[in-house]
């Protein structure tokens, strides 16, 4: 049966933990200059409805380092952008390539594509979830602090796709997640409910970060919400991850952010550029964790 990676729930807890540890092994191999090409002759199709820096570079580089090849497909370059049914595009592309990565808006699009694909489909971001970033974040925490099981994570800001994936991560990696959002910006109620007693909702950032081991956030206005920027700046006042907010967390708490970041908005410069920040490690780990994912799905 073809395995897809549309959310973290598509894998078992054991598979996800093995993937994170394998990502660190692959990182060490790459840093040591070891050649490892399990995907020689394999081709990835990369469909981008939303632009990206880290997603494109990490997947293309990963395929190249694994001896494979990646084809970049923007909506301007394909029949998808001209209204070809997603189902038809999936049927055709999956007869030509070995894996498909999609970065798009509506989550339903990627589900429909996967339902009609012969090859693995990877969610490289939808409006509902961003599971690849969570693999990198989990790998980063493991590298700095060990197992995240039983730890406390604080999400500060918008109840968006990253927040939803953190809820799934809390379920799969077994940690407590405290989510602090402004009123009206809470995460999807069904996703929260599925998270059960691992999830705590609040409108108070100070409450969320008490004794937290990891503090994380995202931009206040995601791609496609730019017209809401002014309104969101007003709503999110008081939700910046500042040095004083980090001081409420554990003394050895880490800070991360999926990037791009707006210093002075959702995070203070002294935090993202400070000693508790593992943002740049997490950005690099997109490469290694996605290589582990590709190896799992294809090799």
C-alpha atoms as a PDB file:
ATOM      1  CA  UNK A   1       0.000   0.000   0.000  1.00  0.00           C
ATOM      2  CA  UNK A   2       1.256   3.491  -0.862  1.00  0.00           C
ATOM      3  CA  UNK A   3       2.131   5.500   2.246  1.00  0.00           C
ATOM      4  CA  UNK A   4       1.475   9.243   2.254  1.00  0.00           C
ATOM      5  CA  UNK A   5       2.583  11.930   4.702  1.00  0.00           C
ATOM      6  CA  UNK A   6      -0.258  14.443   4.865  1.00  0.00           C
ATOM      7  CA  UNK A   7      -0.249  14.863   8.658  1.00  0.00           C
ATOM      8  CA  UNK A   8       1.786  13.482  11.560  1.00  0.00           C
ATOM      9  CA  UNK A   9      -1.098  11.081  12.192  1.00  0.00           C
ATOM     10  CA  UNK A  10      -0.184   9.152   9.013  1.00  0.00           C
ATOM     11  CA  UNK A  11       2.654   7.501  10.957  1.00  0.00           C
ATOM     12  CA  UNK A  12       2.784   5.559  14.189  1.00  0.00           C
ATOM     13  CA  UNK A  13       4.530   6.973  17.243  1.00  0.00           C
ATOM     14  CA  UNK A  14       7.325   4.419  16.791  1.00  0.00           C
ATOM     15  CA  UNK A  15       7.783   5.361  13.125  1.00  0.00           C
ATOM     16  CA  UNK A  16       7.967   9.075  13.944  1.00  0.00           C
ATOM     17  CA  UNK A  17      10.507   8.543  16.716  1.00  0.00           C
ATOM     18  CA  UNK A  18      12.630   6.349  14.442  1.00  0.00           C
ATOM     19  CA  UNK A  19      12.391   8.996  11.711  1.00  0.00           C
ATOM     20  CA  UNK A  20      13.632  11.759  14.030  1.00  0.00           C
ATOM     21  CA  UNK A  21      16.602   9.663  15.167  1.00  0.00           C
ATOM     22  CA  UNK A  22      17.381   8.676  11.576  1.00  0.00           C
ATOM     23  CA  UNK A  23      17.353  12.358  10.601  1.00  0.00           C
ATOM     24  CA  UNK A  24      20.142  13.028  13.114  1.00  0.00           C
ATOM     25  CA  UNK A  25      22.139  10.068  11.728  1.00  0.00           C
ATOM     26  CA  UNK A  26      21.755  11.400   8.182  1.00  0.00           C
ATOM     27  CA  UNK A  27      22.825  14.849   9.395  1.00  0.00           C
ATOM     28  CA  UNK A  28      25.997  13.430  10.934  1.00  0.00           C
ATOM     29  CA  UNK A  29      26.735  11.469   7.749  1.00  0.00           C
ATOM     30  CA  UNK A  30      26.272  14.557   5.571  1.00  0.00           C
ATOM     31  CA  UNK A  31      28.441  16.715   7.850  1.00  0.00           C
ATOM     32  CA  UNK A  32      31.147  14.015   7.708  1.00  0.00           C
ATOM     33  CA  UNK A  33      31.053  14.088   3.911  1.00  0.00           C
ATOM     34  CA  UNK A  34      29.736  10.523   3.569  1.00  0.00           C
ATOM     35  CA  UNK A  35      27.909   9.730   0.335  1.00  0.00           C
ATOM     36  CA  UNK A  36      24.577   7.986   0.780  1.00  0.00           C
ATOM     37  CA  UNK A  37      22.453   7.681  -2.347  1.00  0.00           C
ATOM     38  CA  UNK A  38      19.491   5.405  -1.679  1.00  0.00           C
ATOM     39  CA  UNK A  39      17.302   7.303  -4.168  1.00  0.00           C
ATOM     40  CA  UNK A  40      19.568   7.098  -7.218  1.00  0.00           C
ATOM     41  CA  UNK A  41      17.337   7.192 -10.280  1.00  0.00           C
ATOM     42  CA  UNK A  42      14.298   8.395  -8.294  1.00  0.00           C
ATOM     43  CA  UNK A  43      12.429  11.575  -9.257  1.00  0.00           C
ATOM     44  CA  UNK A  44      10.371  13.897  -7.061  1.00  0.00           C
ATOM     45  CA  UNK A  45       7.694  16.197  -8.471  1.00  0.00           C
ATOM     46  CA  UNK A  46       7.385  19.393  -6.396  1.00  0.00           C
ATOM     47  CA  UNK A  47       4.098  21.264  -6.831  1.00  0.00           C
ATOM     48  CA  UNK A  48       4.084  24.808  -5.448  1.00  0.00           C
ATOM     49  CA  UNK A  49       0.886  26.855  -5.211  1.00  0.00           C
ATOM     50  CA  UNK A  50       2.583  28.822  -2.391  1.00  0.00           C
ATOM     51  CA  UNK A  51       6.110  30.160  -2.696  1.00  0.00           C
ATOM     52  CA  UNK A  52       8.837  29.071  -0.292  1.00  0.00           C
ATOM     53  CA  UNK A  53      12.546  29.325   0.435  1.00  0.00           C
ATOM     54  CA  UNK A  54      13.241  26.541   2.935  1.00  0.00           C
ATOM     55  CA  UNK A  55      10.785  24.009   1.521  1.00  0.00           C
ATOM     56  CA  UNK A  56      12.083  24.171  -2.022  1.00  0.00           C
ATOM     57  CA  UNK A  57      15.781  24.268  -1.153  1.00  0.00           C
ATOM     58  CA  UNK A  58      15.566  21.516   1.476  1.00  0.00           C
ATOM     59  CA  UNK A  59      13.646  19.070  -0.737  1.00  0.00           C
ATOM     60  CA  UNK A  60      15.724  19.750  -3.870  1.00  0.00           C
ATOM     61  CA  UNK A  61      18.982  19.495  -1.937  1.00  0.00           C
ATOM     62  CA  UNK A  62      17.823  16.347  -0.169  1.00  0.00           C
ATOM     63  CA  UNK A  63      16.970  14.605  -3.434  1.00  0.00           C
ATOM     64  CA  UNK A  64      20.314  15.666  -4.948  1.00  0.00           C
ATOM     65  CA  UNK A  65      22.274  14.406  -1.921  1.00  0.00           C
ATOM     66  CA  UNK A  66      20.365  11.102  -2.122  1.00  0.00           C
ATOM     67  CA  UNK A  67      21.335  10.707  -5.797  1.00  0.00           C
ATOM     68  CA  UNK A  68      17.855  11.518  -7.084  1.00  0.00           C
ATOM     69  CA  UNK A  69      16.326  14.436  -8.941  1.00  0.00           C
ATOM     70  CA  UNK A  70      13.592  16.985  -8.214  1.00  0.00           C
ATOM     71  CA  UNK A  71      11.355  18.801 -10.710  1.00  0.00           C
ATOM     72  CA  UNK A  72       9.965  22.184  -9.619  1.00  0.00           C
ATOM     73  CA  UNK A  73       6.395  22.784 -10.781  1.00  0.00           C
ATOM     74  CA  UNK A  74       4.714  26.098 -10.037  1.00  0.00           C
ATOM     75  CA  UNK A  75       1.010  26.611 -10.726  1.00  0.00           C
ATOM     76  CA  UNK A  76       2.072  28.843 -13.641  1.00  0.00           C
ATOM     77  CA  UNK A  77       3.966  25.949 -15.226  1.00  0.00           C
ATOM     78  CA  UNK A  78       1.347  23.209 -15.066  1.00  0.00           C
ATOM     79  CA  UNK A  79      -2.177  22.378 -16.193  1.00  0.00           C
ATOM     80  CA  UNK A  80      -3.163  22.451 -12.502  1.00  0.00           C
ATOM     81  CA  UNK A  81      -2.971  26.227 -12.706  1.00  0.00           C
ATOM     82  CA  UNK A  82      -5.255  26.180 -15.744  1.00  0.00           C
ATOM     83  CA  UNK A  83      -8.005  24.195 -14.099  1.00  0.00           C
ATOM     84  CA  UNK A  84      -7.141  20.546 -14.819  1.00  0.00           C
ATOM     85  CA  UNK A  85      -8.881  18.417 -12.176  1.00  0.00           C
ATOM     86  CA  UNK A  86      -6.559  17.559  -9.305  1.00  0.00           C
ATOM     87  CA  UNK A  87      -7.523  13.896  -9.668  1.00  0.00           C
ATOM     88  CA  UNK A  88      -6.367  13.843 -13.314  1.00  0.00           C
ATOM     89  CA  UNK A  89      -3.068  15.564 -12.520  1.00  0.00           C
ATOM     90  CA  UNK A  90      -2.450  13.017  -9.757  1.00  0.00           C
ATOM     91  CA  UNK A  91      -3.150  10.068 -12.055  1.00  0.00           C
ATOM     92  CA  UNK A  92      -0.744  11.366 -14.707  1.00  0.00           C
ATOM     93  CA  UNK A  93       2.093  12.654 -12.516  1.00  0.00           C
ATOM     94  CA  UNK A  94       2.173   9.552 -10.334  1.00  0.00           C
ATOM     95  CA  UNK A  95       2.828   7.420 -13.437  1.00  0.00           C
ATOM     96  CA  UNK A  96       5.961   9.467 -14.168  1.00  0.00           C
ATOM     97  CA  UNK A  97       7.572  10.390 -10.838  1.00  0.00           C
ATOM     98  CA  UNK A  98       8.347   8.382  -7.694  1.00  0.00           C
ATOM     99  CA  UNK A  99       7.099  10.839  -5.056  1.00  0.00           C
ATOM    100  CA  UNK A 100       5.147  14.110  -5.067  1.00  0.00           C
ATOM    101  CA  UNK A 101       5.563  17.020  -2.661  1.00  0.00           C
ATOM    102  CA  UNK A 102       2.773  19.625  -2.586  1.00  0.00           C
ATOM    103  CA  UNK A 103       2.669  23.069  -0.981  1.00  0.00           C
ATOM    104  CA  UNK A 104      -0.783  24.576  -1.391  1.00  0.00           C
ATOM    105  CA  UNK A 105      -3.708  26.344   0.292  1.00  0.00           C
ATOM    106  CA  UNK A 106      -6.736  24.070   0.851  1.00  0.00           C
ATOM    107  CA  UNK A 107      -5.908  20.828   2.657  1.00  0.00           C
ATOM    108  CA  UNK A 108      -8.664  19.090   0.674  1.00  0.00           C
ATOM    109  CA  UNK A 109      -6.557  19.528  -2.496  1.00  0.00           C
ATOM    110  CA  UNK A 110      -3.704  17.420  -1.175  1.00  0.00           C
ATOM    111  CA  UNK A 111      -6.085  14.768   0.160  1.00  0.00           C
ATOM    112  CA  UNK A 112      -7.756  14.449  -3.254  1.00  0.00           C
ATOM    113  CA  UNK A 113      -4.361  14.296  -4.961  1.00  0.00           C
ATOM    114  CA  UNK A 114      -3.169  11.539  -2.613  1.00  0.00           C
ATOM    115  CA  UNK A 115      -6.396   9.565  -3.100  1.00  0.00           C
ATOM    116  CA  UNK A 116      -5.595   9.357  -6.831  1.00  0.00           C
ATOM    117  CA  UNK A 117      -1.810   8.953  -6.670  1.00  0.00           C
ATOM    118  CA  UNK A 118       0.121   5.722  -7.187  1.00  0.00           C
ATOM    119  CA  UNK A 119       3.151   7.168  -5.374  1.00  0.00           C
ATOM    120  CA  UNK A 120       3.709   8.751  -1.930  1.00  0.00           C
ATOM    121  CA  UNK A 121       2.445  12.320  -1.492  1.00  0.00           C
ATOM    122  CA  UNK A 122       4.080  14.639   1.054  1.00  0.00           C
ATOM    123  CA  UNK A 123       2.345  17.655   2.576  1.00  0.00           C
ATOM    124  CA  UNK A 124       4.859  20.495   2.394  1.00  0.00           C
ATOM    125  CA  UNK A 125       2.244  22.901   3.874  1.00  0.00           C
ATOM    126  CA  UNK A 126      -1.474  23.493   3.581  1.00  0.00           C
ATOM    127  CA  UNK A 127      -3.704  25.999   5.346  1.00  0.00           C
ATOM    128  CA  UNK A 128      -4.514  23.278   7.896  1.00  0.00           C
ATOM    129  CA  UNK A 129      -1.179  21.550   8.636  1.00  0.00           C
ATOM    130  CA  UNK A 130       2.618  21.834   8.250  1.00  0.00           C
ATOM    131  CA  UNK A 131       3.907  18.399   9.326  1.00  0.00           C
ATOM    132  CA  UNK A 132       7.371  18.626   7.729  1.00  0.00           C
ATOM    133  CA  UNK A 133       8.255  21.584   9.959  1.00  0.00           C
ATOM    134  CA  UNK A 134       7.252  19.555  13.011  1.00  0.00           C
ATOM    135  CA  UNK A 135       9.648  16.759  12.052  1.00  0.00           C
ATOM    136  CA  UNK A 136      12.435  19.344  11.996  1.00  0.00           C
ATOM    137  CA  UNK A 137      11.319  20.915  15.280  1.00  0.00           C
ATOM    138  CA  UNK A 138      11.141  17.538  17.020  1.00  0.00           C
ATOM    139  CA  UNK A 139      14.568  16.565  15.675  1.00  0.00           C
ATOM    140  CA  UNK A 140      15.966  19.861  16.965  1.00  0.00           C
ATOM    141  CA  UNK A 141      14.572  19.369  20.461  1.00  0.00           C
ATOM    142  CA  UNK A 142      15.905  15.790  20.575  1.00  0.00           C
ATOM    143  CA  UNK A 143      19.375  17.013  19.584  1.00  0.00           C
ATOM    144  CA  UNK A 144      19.466  19.710  22.262  1.00  0.00           C
ATOM    145  CA  UNK A 145      17.468  18.238  25.145  1.00  0.00           C
ATOM    146  CA  UNK A 146      16.735  14.567  24.435  1.00  0.00           C
ATOM    147  CA  UNK A 147      13.290  12.970  24.393  1.00  0.00           C
ATOM    148  CA  UNK A 148      10.410  15.470  24.359  1.00  0.00           C
ATOM    149  CA  UNK A 149       8.024  12.920  25.920  1.00  0.00           C
ATOM    150  CA  UNK A 150       6.485  14.358  29.084  1.00  0.00           C
ATOM    151  CA  UNK A 151       7.864  17.869  28.448  1.00  0.00           C
ATOM    152  CA  UNK A 152       5.829  21.071  28.162  1.00  0.00           C
ATOM    153  CA  UNK A 153       5.619  23.125  24.974  1.00  0.00           C
ATOM    154  CA  UNK A 154       4.077  26.605  24.755  1.00  0.00           C
ATOM    155  CA  UNK A 155       2.553  27.845  21.495  1.00  0.00           C
ATOM    156  CA  UNK A 156       2.099  31.644  21.469  1.00  0.00           C
ATOM    157  CA  UNK A 157       0.082  33.385  18.746  1.00  0.00           C
ATOM    158  CA  UNK A 158      -2.249  32.297  15.967  1.00  0.00           C
ATOM    159  CA  UNK A 159      -4.126  28.976  16.058  1.00  0.00           C
ATOM    160  CA  UNK A 160      -2.933  28.262  12.519  1.00  0.00           C
ATOM    161  CA  UNK A 161      -1.555  25.320  10.502  1.00  0.00           C
ATOM    162  CA  UNK A 162       1.638  25.208  12.601  1.00  0.00           C
ATOM    163  CA  UNK A 163      -0.443  25.212  15.784  1.00  0.00           C
ATOM    164  CA  UNK A 164      -2.547  22.336  14.419  1.00  0.00           C
ATOM    165  CA  UNK A 165       0.580  20.341  13.641  1.00  0.00           C
ATOM    166  CA  UNK A 166       1.891  21.010  17.166  1.00  0.00           C
ATOM    167  CA  UNK A 167      -1.380  19.561  18.490  1.00  0.00           C
ATOM    168  CA  UNK A 168      -0.789  16.418  16.424  1.00  0.00           C
ATOM    169  CA  UNK A 169       2.821  16.335  17.619  1.00  0.00           C
ATOM    170  CA  UNK A 170       1.665  16.472  21.247  1.00  0.00           C
ATOM    171  CA  UNK A 171      -0.440  13.379  20.546  1.00  0.00           C
ATOM    172  CA  UNK A 172       2.284  11.504  18.668  1.00  0.00           C
ATOM    173  CA  UNK A 173       5.355  12.485  20.731  1.00  0.00           C
ATOM    174  CA  UNK A 174       3.439  12.552  24.047  1.00  0.00           C
ATOM    175  CA  UNK A 175       4.094  16.034  25.432  1.00  0.00           C
ATOM    176  CA  UNK A 176       1.882  18.702  27.012  1.00  0.00           C
ATOM    177  CA  UNK A 177       0.985  21.632  24.755  1.00  0.00           C
ATOM    178  CA  UNK A 178      -0.262  24.946  26.091  1.00  0.00           C
ATOM    179  CA  UNK A 179      -1.703  27.214  23.412  1.00  0.00           C
ATOM    180  CA  UNK A 180      -2.093  30.959  24.039  1.00  0.00           C
ATOM    181  CA  UNK A 181      -4.032  32.847  21.358  1.00  0.00           C
ATOM    182  CA  UNK A 182      -5.969  36.126  21.266  1.00  0.00           C
ATOM    183  CA  UNK A 183      -9.749  35.710  21.489  1.00  0.00           C
ATOM    184  CA  UNK A 184     -11.071  34.720  18.068  1.00  0.00           C
ATOM    185  CA  UNK A 185      -7.791  33.177  16.857  1.00  0.00           C
ATOM    186  CA  UNK A 186      -8.086  29.771  18.548  1.00  0.00           C
ATOM    187  CA  UNK A 187      -7.115  26.582  16.668  1.00  0.00           C
ATOM    188  CA  UNK A 188      -9.735  24.334  15.050  1.00  0.00           C
ATOM    189  CA  UNK A 189     -11.984  22.948  17.803  1.00  0.00           C
ATOM    190  CA  UNK A 190     -12.102  19.416  16.341  1.00  0.00           C
ATOM    191  CA  UNK A 191      -8.307  19.192  16.156  1.00  0.00           C
ATOM    192  CA  UNK A 192      -8.050  20.480  19.744  1.00  0.00           C
ATOM    193  CA  UNK A 193     -10.658  17.961  20.948  1.00  0.00           C
ATOM    194  CA  UNK A 194      -8.737  15.111  19.314  1.00  0.00           C
ATOM    195  CA  UNK A 195      -5.663  16.200  21.275  1.00  0.00           C
ATOM    196  CA  UNK A 196      -7.484  15.386  24.505  1.00  0.00           C
ATOM    197  CA  UNK A 197      -5.865  16.168  27.847  1.00  0.00           C
ATOM    198  CA  UNK A 198      -2.500  16.924  26.264  1.00  0.00           C
ATOM    199  CA  UNK A 199      -3.859  20.296  25.082  1.00  0.00           C
ATOM    200  CA  UNK A 200      -4.535  23.384  27.224  1.00  0.00           C
ATOM    201  CA  UNK A 201      -6.048  26.544  25.708  1.00  0.00           C
ATOM    202  CA  UNK A 202      -5.585  29.996  27.206  1.00  0.00           C
ATOM    203  CA  UNK A 203      -5.645  33.656  26.188  1.00  0.00           C
ATOM    204  CA  UNK A 204      -2.762  34.436  28.549  1.00  0.00           C
ATOM    205  CA  UNK A 205       0.792  34.011  27.151  1.00  0.00           C
ATOM    206  CA  UNK A 206       2.348  34.234  30.641  1.00  0.00           C
ATOM    207  CA  UNK A 207       0.180  31.339  31.787  1.00  0.00           C
ATOM    208  CA  UNK A 208       1.150  29.258  28.760  1.00  0.00           C
ATOM    209  CA  UNK A 209       4.913  29.618  29.168  1.00  0.00           C
ATOM    210  CA  UNK A 210       5.100  28.818  32.914  1.00  0.00           C
ATOM    211  CA  UNK A 211       7.782  26.126  33.302  1.00  0.00           C
ATOM    212  CA  UNK A 212       7.745  25.391  29.550  1.00  0.00           C
ATOM    213  CA  UNK A 213      10.651  23.478  28.001  1.00  0.00           C
ATOM    214  CA  UNK A 214      10.062  24.812  24.481  1.00  0.00           C
ATOM    215  CA  UNK A 215       8.433  28.080  23.389  1.00  0.00           C
ATOM    216  CA  UNK A 216       7.386  28.512  19.786  1.00  0.00           C
ATOM    217  CA  UNK A 217       5.443  30.957  17.620  1.00  0.00           C
ATOM    218  CA  UNK A 218       4.720  31.983  14.028  1.00  0.00           C
ATOM    219  CA  UNK A 219       3.971  35.174  12.103  1.00  0.00           C
ATOM    220  CA  UNK A 220       0.747  36.956  13.034  1.00  0.00           C
ATOM    221  CA  UNK A 221      -0.443  37.141   9.425  1.00  0.00           C
ATOM    222  CA  UNK A 222       0.332  34.049   7.332  1.00  0.00           C
ATOM    223  CA  UNK A 223       0.644  33.947   3.547  1.00  0.00           C
ATOM    224  CA  UNK A 224      -2.685  35.030   2.071  1.00  0.00           C
ATOM    225  CA  UNK A 225      -3.667  37.038   5.172  1.00  0.00           C
ATOM    226  CA  UNK A 226      -1.591  40.137   4.427  1.00  0.00           C
ATOM    227  CA  UNK A 227      -4.726  42.287   4.099  1.00  0.00           C
ATOM    228  CA  UNK A 228      -5.452  41.478   7.775  1.00  0.00           C
ATOM    229  CA  UNK A 229      -2.018  42.654   8.969  1.00  0.00           C
ATOM    230  CA  UNK A 230      -3.136  45.880  10.692  1.00  0.00           C
ATOM    231  CA  UNK A 231      -6.089  44.226  12.429  1.00  0.00           C
ATOM    232  CA  UNK A 232      -3.914  41.318  13.519  1.00  0.00           C
ATOM    233  CA  UNK A 233      -1.220  43.621  14.917  1.00  0.00           C
ATOM    234  CA  UNK A 234      -3.884  45.117  17.193  1.00  0.00           C
ATOM    235  CA  UNK A 235      -5.334  41.723  18.165  1.00  0.00           C
ATOM    236  CA  UNK A 236      -1.930  40.174  18.874  1.00  0.00           C
ATOM    237  CA  UNK A 237      -0.529  43.049  20.945  1.00  0.00           C
ATOM    238  CA  UNK A 238       0.818  41.418  24.096  1.00  0.00           C
ATOM    239  CA  UNK A 239       1.532  38.113  22.354  1.00  0.00           C
ATOM    240  CA  UNK A 240       5.138  38.834  21.380  1.00  0.00           C
ATOM    241  CA  UNK A 241       7.682  36.277  22.578  1.00  0.00           C
ATOM    242  CA  UNK A 242       9.893  38.763  24.422  1.00  0.00           C
ATOM    243  CA  UNK A 243      12.830  38.235  26.774  1.00  0.00           C
ATOM    244  CA  UNK A 244      10.513  38.856  29.735  1.00  0.00           C
ATOM    245  CA  UNK A 245       8.066  36.206  28.471  1.00  0.00           C
ATOM    246  CA  UNK A 246      10.895  33.694  27.953  1.00  0.00           C
ATOM    247  CA  UNK A 247      11.989  34.394  31.528  1.00  0.00           C
ATOM    248  CA  UNK A 248       8.684  32.861  32.708  1.00  0.00           C
ATOM    249  CA  UNK A 249       9.616  29.542  31.073  1.00  0.00           C
ATOM    250  CA  UNK A 250      12.186  27.069  32.420  1.00  0.00           C
ATOM    251  CA  UNK A 251      15.708  28.497  32.660  1.00  0.00           C
ATOM    252  CA  UNK A 252      16.922  26.099  29.951  1.00  0.00           C
ATOM    253  CA  UNK A 253      13.844  26.503  27.712  1.00  0.00           C
ATOM    254  CA  UNK A 254      14.445  26.612  23.970  1.00  0.00           C
ATOM    255  CA  UNK A 255      12.813  28.944  21.451  1.00  0.00           C
ATOM    256  CA  UNK A 256      11.974  28.074  17.866  1.00  0.00           C
ATOM    257  CA  UNK A 257      10.083  29.576  14.911  1.00  0.00           C
ATOM    258  CA  UNK A 258       9.283  28.061  11.500  1.00  0.00           C
ATOM    259  CA  UNK A 259      10.433  31.238   9.645  1.00  0.00           C
ATOM    260  CA  UNK A 260      10.253  33.708   8.021  1.00  0.00           C
ATOM    261  CA  UNK A 261      10.148  35.780  11.207  1.00  0.00           C
ATOM    262  CA  UNK A 262       9.194  39.406  11.805  1.00  0.00           C
ATOM    263  CA  UNK A 263      11.449  40.753  14.544  1.00  0.00           C
ATOM    264  CA  UNK A 264       9.584  43.229  16.718  1.00  0.00           C
ATOM    265  CA  UNK A 265       6.222  41.590  15.973  1.00  0.00           C
ATOM    266  CA  UNK A 266       5.693  37.965  17.068  1.00  0.00           C
ATOM    267  CA  UNK A 267       9.228  37.680  18.466  1.00  0.00           C
ATOM    268  CA  UNK A 268      11.779  40.104  19.859  1.00  0.00           C
ATOM    269  CA  UNK A 269      15.152  40.262  18.099  1.00  0.00           C
ATOM    270  CA  UNK A 270      16.955  39.484  21.359  1.00  0.00           C
ATOM    271  CA  UNK A 271      15.030  36.203  21.628  1.00  0.00           C
ATOM    272  CA  UNK A 272      15.340  34.887  18.070  1.00  0.00           C
ATOM    273  CA  UNK A 273      19.005  35.940  17.926  1.00  0.00           C
ATOM    274  CA  UNK A 274      19.683  34.993  21.549  1.00  0.00           C
ATOM    275  CA  UNK A 275      21.255  31.954  23.256  1.00  0.00           C
ATOM    276  CA  UNK A 276      17.951  30.081  23.773  1.00  0.00           C
ATOM    277  CA  UNK A 277      17.071  30.186  20.082  1.00  0.00           C
ATOM    278  CA  UNK A 278      17.406  26.976  18.053  1.00  0.00           C
ATOM    279  CA  UNK A 279      15.694  28.515  15.028  1.00  0.00           C
ATOM    280  CA  UNK A 280      18.657  28.070  12.677  1.00  0.00           C
ATOM    281  CA  UNK A 281      19.193  24.451  13.708  1.00  0.00           C
ATOM    282  CA  UNK A 282      15.504  23.777  13.055  1.00  0.00           C
ATOM    283  CA  UNK A 283      15.764  25.436   9.629  1.00  0.00           C
ATOM    284  CA  UNK A 284      18.748  23.234   8.710  1.00  0.00           C
ATOM    285  CA  UNK A 285      16.967  20.186  10.073  1.00  0.00           C
ATOM    286  CA  UNK A 286      14.235  20.591   7.469  1.00  0.00           C
ATOM    287  CA  UNK A 287      16.824  19.102   5.089  1.00  0.00           C
ATOM    288  CA  UNK A 288      17.768  16.156   7.284  1.00  0.00           C
ATOM    289  CA  UNK A 289      14.305  15.238   8.593  1.00  0.00           C
ATOM    290  CA  UNK A 290      12.824  15.374   5.083  1.00  0.00           C
ATOM    291  CA  UNK A 291      15.638  13.146   3.822  1.00  0.00           C
ATOM    292  CA  UNK A 292      14.717  10.661   6.556  1.00  0.00           C
ATOM    293  CA  UNK A 293      11.084  10.932   5.443  1.00  0.00           C
ATOM    294  CA  UNK A 294      11.971  10.349   1.772  1.00  0.00           C
ATOM    295  CA  UNK A 295      14.142   7.364   2.684  1.00  0.00           C
ATOM    296  CA  UNK A 296      11.271   5.931   4.750  1.00  0.00           C
ATOM    297  CA  UNK A 297       8.683   6.394   1.984  1.00  0.00           C
ATOM    298  CA  UNK A 298      10.847   5.328  -0.967  1.00  0.00           C
ATOM    299  CA  UNK A 299      13.851   3.248   0.064  1.00  0.00           C
END
